[in-house]
Structure formats: C-alpha cells, structure tokens
C-alpha cells in the first residue's frame, strides 16, 4: 500500500437530537475532505437530521444511552484505515484533517486539541471571569469526542467497550486505556484543534459512580490483554 493510500480517513460522528450542532460540525468538515475521505454519522436512536449527500448515515434503536455501540457501528462501516472519532457539536478548525493526516500511522492513537465553550450563566461550574471559550493547554484526559486511531487497532481490542451501556461517562477513557494496554502509543496532536460547543450535560453522580466502578474492573482485564470480542 502506498503511503498516500494509507492516509485516507473516515470520520465517525455520533449524534443524538442536536441537529443545529451537527450542522456546524459538518460545515467545518466537508470542505476539508480528501478524495477518499468519508463522513459517517451514527444516530443513537434520536430524530433524523437532514444531511448532505456526502454523508453516510446509520441509525440504531434507542435503548438508553449507547455511545460505545454507536461508535463501533461507525467504525465497522468505515472503508478507510484511519478513524477520526467526533461527537456532534465538536467543530474542527481549518486544517484539522490535514493535521491528523500528517501524523497518522499504525499503532498510534492521536489525541487532538480541544477548547470548550461554556454558558456564562452556569456560575456553579464556571467562574464569571473565565473567557467564554476555554482551552486546555495540556489535554490528556482521554476525551473520546476528539481523537484519531487506526481501525485495525480499534477492532483488535473490541472497539469501544459496550458494557458501558445506558449511562454517560468513561467510555472514551476506557477505550484509550484498552489501546494503550495493547501496545498502542498515545500521542498529543494539538495541531488538530476543535471547539466543543456548549450544551447541557447528561452527567449525573450515579452515572459517575457506576461507570467509574466499571472502569476499574475493565482496566484490570485490559492489563491482562482481555478485551471484549469485536462483533460487527
């Protein structure tokens, strides 16, 4: 395979009931597509958005929150060797895909840069003196809404762990840990920058406690190279 052939990218975007945000994400991405790049939108059982003809659309039945399953369905559909994982409402900067394209290679997971937009009225979480858009200068928390990885490496660890089911949180960090335990190198790629648009979160303390406990259990398995079976 020629080097240029190996740099084609499939962008998998998970979506649920935020068509106005998805539109901004797609408007930023479509002008950046290379000849064989593709965009796949996976809907986790929500309303059907209007999509440009360049976009492949998948839908799964709503059975609670199933981010991991949605990501895996998109990865399975992808025809290119490299995957960019995005959530709806994450809007890439110009040059975003090229920044990833310059760095992608087998056995490497790239974490892109992310700035967060917030609601200045939510003083519980954001001090009023903070700029409306806040950038983490050293973002290595494993944010799954903004990363790039080889498809074959994702499949080898069973993809995103679907045992996180029905409750938001930790799926993405677990995926990165699974890849790391398999020998994939995790690198920063802050040249691939995007803005996370503000929206109310579905995070709850119950979800945090439940998924944090699952994370500890699953990581012990990953460290022994025990992964869920890829089922797509």
Protein backbone atom coordinates (compact mmCIF):
# COMPACT_ATOMS: atom_id res chain seq x y z
CA UNK A 1 0.00 0.00 0.00
CA UNK A 2 1.35 3.43 -0.96
CA UNK A 3 1.85 6.00 1.78
CA UNK A 4 -0.78 8.34 0.29
CA UNK A 5 -3.30 5.49 0.24
CA UNK A 6 -2.70 4.81 3.94
CA UNK A 7 -3.62 8.38 4.90
CA UNK A 8 -7.30 8.24 3.95
CA UNK A 9 -9.59 8.95 6.90
CA UNK A 10 -13.12 8.01 7.91
CA UNK A 11 -14.74 10.48 10.31
CA UNK A 12 -17.28 8.83 12.63
CA UNK A 13 -19.66 11.31 14.28
CA UNK A 14 -22.07 10.19 16.99
CA UNK A 15 -25.35 12.11 17.08
CA UNK A 16 -28.40 12.49 19.29
CA UNK A 17 -31.03 15.22 18.90
CA UNK A 18 -28.73 18.22 18.30
CA UNK A 19 -29.15 18.84 14.55
CA UNK A 20 -28.15 22.50 14.83
CA UNK A 21 -24.79 21.48 16.33
CA UNK A 22 -24.24 18.63 13.88
CA UNK A 23 -24.75 21.07 11.01
CA UNK A 24 -21.89 23.25 12.28
CA UNK A 25 -19.63 20.22 12.63
CA UNK A 26 -20.37 19.05 9.09
CA UNK A 27 -19.99 22.53 7.61
CA UNK A 28 -16.49 22.68 9.09
CA UNK A 29 -15.50 19.17 7.98
CA UNK A 30 -16.85 18.77 4.45
CA UNK A 31 -14.55 21.39 2.84
CA UNK A 32 -11.57 19.55 4.37
CA UNK A 33 -12.35 16.10 2.92
CA UNK A 34 -9.75 14.44 0.75
CA UNK A 35 -10.66 12.42 -2.34
CA UNK A 36 -11.27 9.16 -0.46
CA UNK A 37 -12.12 10.53 2.99
CA UNK A 38 -15.66 9.91 4.24
CA UNK A 39 -18.04 11.08 6.97
CA UNK A 40 -20.27 8.61 8.81
CA UNK A 41 -22.98 9.91 11.16
CA UNK A 42 -24.33 7.39 13.66
CA UNK A 43 -27.63 8.28 15.33
CA UNK A 44 -28.23 6.76 18.78
CA UNK A 45 -31.98 6.42 18.23
CA UNK A 46 -32.89 10.10 18.05
CA UNK A 47 -34.58 12.32 15.49
CA UNK A 48 -33.41 12.02 11.90
CA UNK A 49 -31.34 15.04 10.82
CA UNK A 50 -31.12 16.48 7.32
CA UNK A 51 -27.71 15.53 5.96
CA UNK A 52 -25.66 16.45 2.89
CA UNK A 53 -25.24 13.77 0.23
CA UNK A 54 -21.54 13.37 1.16
CA UNK A 55 -22.53 11.80 4.49
CA UNK A 56 -23.19 8.11 5.20
CA UNK A 57 -25.99 7.76 7.76
CA UNK A 58 -26.52 4.95 10.30
CA UNK A 59 -29.26 4.67 12.93
CA UNK A 60 -29.57 2.37 15.94
CA UNK A 61 -32.63 1.74 18.06
CA UNK A 62 -32.81 3.79 21.24
CA UNK A 63 -32.16 1.50 24.20
CA UNK A 64 -30.83 4.06 26.63
CA UNK A 65 -27.54 5.83 26.11
CA UNK A 66 -25.33 3.66 23.86
CA UNK A 67 -22.36 5.75 22.81
CA UNK A 68 -19.96 2.79 22.61
CA UNK A 69 -22.28 0.85 20.31
CA UNK A 70 -22.79 3.88 18.07
CA UNK A 71 -19.05 4.47 17.73
CA UNK A 72 -18.46 0.79 16.93
CA UNK A 73 -21.13 0.73 14.24
CA UNK A 74 -19.47 3.67 12.57
CA UNK A 75 -16.03 2.10 12.79
CA UNK A 76 -17.37 -1.12 11.27
CA UNK A 77 -18.86 0.81 8.34
CA UNK A 78 -15.64 2.75 7.69
CA UNK A 79 -13.80 1.86 4.48
CA UNK A 80 -10.56 3.69 5.34
CA UNK A 81 -7.68 2.55 7.58
CA UNK A 82 -7.80 5.53 9.95
CA UNK A 83 -10.71 6.76 12.06
CA UNK A 84 -11.39 10.21 13.46
CA UNK A 85 -13.94 9.98 16.28
CA UNK A 86 -16.09 13.06 16.87
CA UNK A 87 -19.22 13.94 18.79
CA UNK A 88 -21.85 16.22 17.27
CA UNK A 89 -21.17 19.77 18.35
CA UNK A 90 -17.38 19.48 18.14
CA UNK A 91 -16.41 21.91 15.39
CA UNK A 92 -12.96 21.42 13.80
CA UNK A 93 -10.68 24.31 12.94
CA UNK A 94 -9.45 24.80 9.36
CA UNK A 95 -6.61 22.38 8.65
CA UNK A 96 -7.93 19.87 11.18
CA UNK A 97 -7.92 16.79 8.96
CA UNK A 98 -4.56 17.63 7.41
CA UNK A 99 -3.04 17.92 10.88
CA UNK A 100 -4.15 14.38 11.65
CA UNK A 101 -3.19 13.16 8.19
CA UNK A 102 0.41 14.29 8.70
CA UNK A 103 0.69 12.30 11.92
CA UNK A 104 -1.39 9.14 11.50
CA UNK A 105 0.40 5.80 11.45
CA UNK A 106 -0.17 2.24 12.68
CA UNK A 107 -0.10 1.56 16.43
CA UNK A 108 -0.53 5.22 17.39
CA UNK A 109 -3.57 6.94 18.93
CA UNK A 110 -3.65 10.72 18.46
CA UNK A 111 -5.49 12.99 20.90
CA UNK A 112 -6.43 16.30 19.32
CA UNK A 113 -6.66 19.69 20.97
CA UNK A 114 -9.96 20.89 22.37
CA UNK A 115 -11.33 24.19 23.55
CA UNK A 116 -14.59 24.30 25.48
CA UNK A 117 -17.38 26.82 25.04
CA UNK A 118 -19.41 27.35 28.20
CA UNK A 119 -22.55 29.11 29.37
CA UNK A 120 -21.55 32.17 31.45
CA UNK A 121 -24.80 31.85 33.40
CA UNK A 122 -23.70 28.50 34.82
CA UNK A 123 -21.70 30.00 37.67
CA UNK A 124 -21.83 26.69 39.52
CA UNK A 125 -19.19 25.36 37.11
CA UNK A 126 -17.52 28.38 35.51
CA UNK A 127 -16.19 31.49 37.28
CA UNK A 128 -17.53 34.67 35.65
CA UNK A 129 -14.03 35.97 34.90
CA UNK A 130 -13.16 32.94 32.72
CA UNK A 131 -13.17 33.55 28.94
CA UNK A 132 -16.27 32.08 27.28
CA UNK A 133 -14.09 29.68 25.31
CA UNK A 134 -11.53 27.90 27.45
CA UNK A 135 -8.63 25.87 26.03
CA UNK A 136 -6.88 23.10 27.94
CA UNK A 137 -3.18 23.56 27.11
CA UNK A 138 -2.23 20.03 28.11
CA UNK A 139 -5.30 17.93 27.46
CA UNK A 140 -4.58 14.24 28.06
CA UNK A 141 -7.72 13.11 29.90
CA UNK A 142 -8.72 10.74 27.13
CA UNK A 143 -11.56 12.76 25.64
CA UNK A 144 -13.07 10.43 23.04
CA UNK A 145 -15.02 13.06 21.15
CA UNK A 146 -11.79 14.22 19.52
CA UNK A 147 -9.21 11.59 18.54
CA UNK A 148 -7.70 9.64 15.64
CA UNK A 149 -6.66 5.98 15.55
CA UNK A 150 -6.11 3.02 13.18
CA UNK A 151 -9.23 0.99 12.52
CA UNK A 152 -7.41 -2.32 12.89
CA UNK A 153 -6.14 -1.38 16.36
CA UNK A 154 -9.67 -0.47 17.48
CA UNK A 155 -11.07 -3.76 16.20
CA UNK A 156 -8.26 -5.71 17.93
CA UNK A 157 -9.44 -4.51 21.38
CA UNK A 158 -13.14 -5.00 20.62
CA UNK A 159 -13.75 -1.33 19.87
CA UNK A 160 -15.38 0.88 22.48
CA UNK A 161 -16.46 -1.27 25.41
CA UNK A 162 -20.22 -1.77 25.09
CA UNK A 163 -20.53 -2.91 28.67
CA UNK A 164 -20.79 0.84 29.36
CA UNK A 165 -24.47 0.93 28.46
CA UNK A 166 -27.30 3.28 29.37
CA UNK A 167 -25.23 5.82 31.26
CA UNK A 168 -22.90 8.60 30.07
CA UNK A 169 -19.24 8.77 31.02
CA UNK A 170 -15.86 6.96 30.90
CA UNK A 171 -16.39 5.03 27.64
CA UNK A 172 -13.76 7.05 25.82
CA UNK A 173 -11.13 6.92 28.54
CA UNK A 174 -11.62 3.15 28.76
CA UNK A 175 -11.09 2.82 25.00
CA UNK A 176 -7.83 4.75 25.19
CA UNK A 177 -6.69 2.62 28.13
CA UNK A 178 -7.54 -0.56 26.23
CA UNK A 179 -5.48 0.57 23.24
CA UNK A 180 -2.61 1.60 25.50
CA UNK A 181 -2.60 -1.82 27.20
CA UNK A 182 -2.45 -3.46 23.77
CA UNK A 183 0.76 -1.59 22.99
CA UNK A 184 -0.67 1.35 21.03
CA UNK A 185 1.22 4.57 21.74
CA UNK A 186 -0.85 7.59 22.84
CA UNK A 187 0.37 10.94 21.49
CA UNK A 188 -0.85 14.52 21.62
CA UNK A 189 -1.79 16.13 18.32
CA UNK A 190 -2.86 19.61 19.33
CA UNK A 191 -2.40 20.85 15.78
CA UNK A 192 -5.77 19.15 15.16
CA UNK A 193 -7.84 21.68 17.09
CA UNK A 194 -11.61 21.84 17.58
CA UNK A 195 -14.21 23.70 19.64
CA UNK A 196 -16.69 21.83 21.85
CA UNK A 197 -19.93 23.83 21.65
CA UNK A 198 -21.77 24.32 24.90
CA UNK A 199 -24.77 22.10 25.65
CA UNK A 200 -26.34 20.90 28.91
CA UNK A 201 -24.74 17.69 30.11
CA UNK A 202 -26.47 14.41 30.93
CA UNK A 203 -23.85 13.70 33.58
CA UNK A 204 -25.10 12.53 36.99
CA UNK A 205 -23.33 11.41 40.12
CA UNK A 206 -24.99 7.99 39.81
CA UNK A 207 -23.53 7.60 36.32
CA UNK A 208 -20.13 8.73 37.56
CA UNK A 209 -20.10 6.20 40.39
CA UNK A 210 -21.41 3.35 38.24
CA UNK A 211 -19.09 3.88 35.30
CA UNK A 212 -16.06 4.64 37.44
CA UNK A 213 -16.55 1.27 39.11
CA UNK A 214 -16.89 -0.44 35.73
CA UNK A 215 -13.76 1.33 34.52
CA UNK A 216 -11.69 -0.09 37.38
CA UNK A 217 -12.99 -3.58 36.65
CA UNK A 218 -12.40 -3.38 32.90
CA UNK A 219 -8.90 -1.92 33.18
CA UNK A 220 -7.82 -4.96 35.19
CA UNK A 221 -8.94 -7.06 32.23
CA UNK A 222 -7.23 -4.83 29.66
CA UNK A 223 -3.98 -5.09 31.58
CA UNK A 224 -4.20 -8.87 31.09
CA UNK A 225 -4.96 -8.33 27.38
CA UNK A 226 -8.54 -9.48 27.88
CA UNK A 227 -10.87 -7.48 25.64
CA UNK A 228 -14.49 -7.72 24.51
CA UNK A 229 -14.95 -9.54 21.22
CA UNK A 230 -15.47 -7.35 18.14
CA UNK A 231 -18.97 -8.28 16.98
CA UNK A 232 -19.54 -6.30 13.79
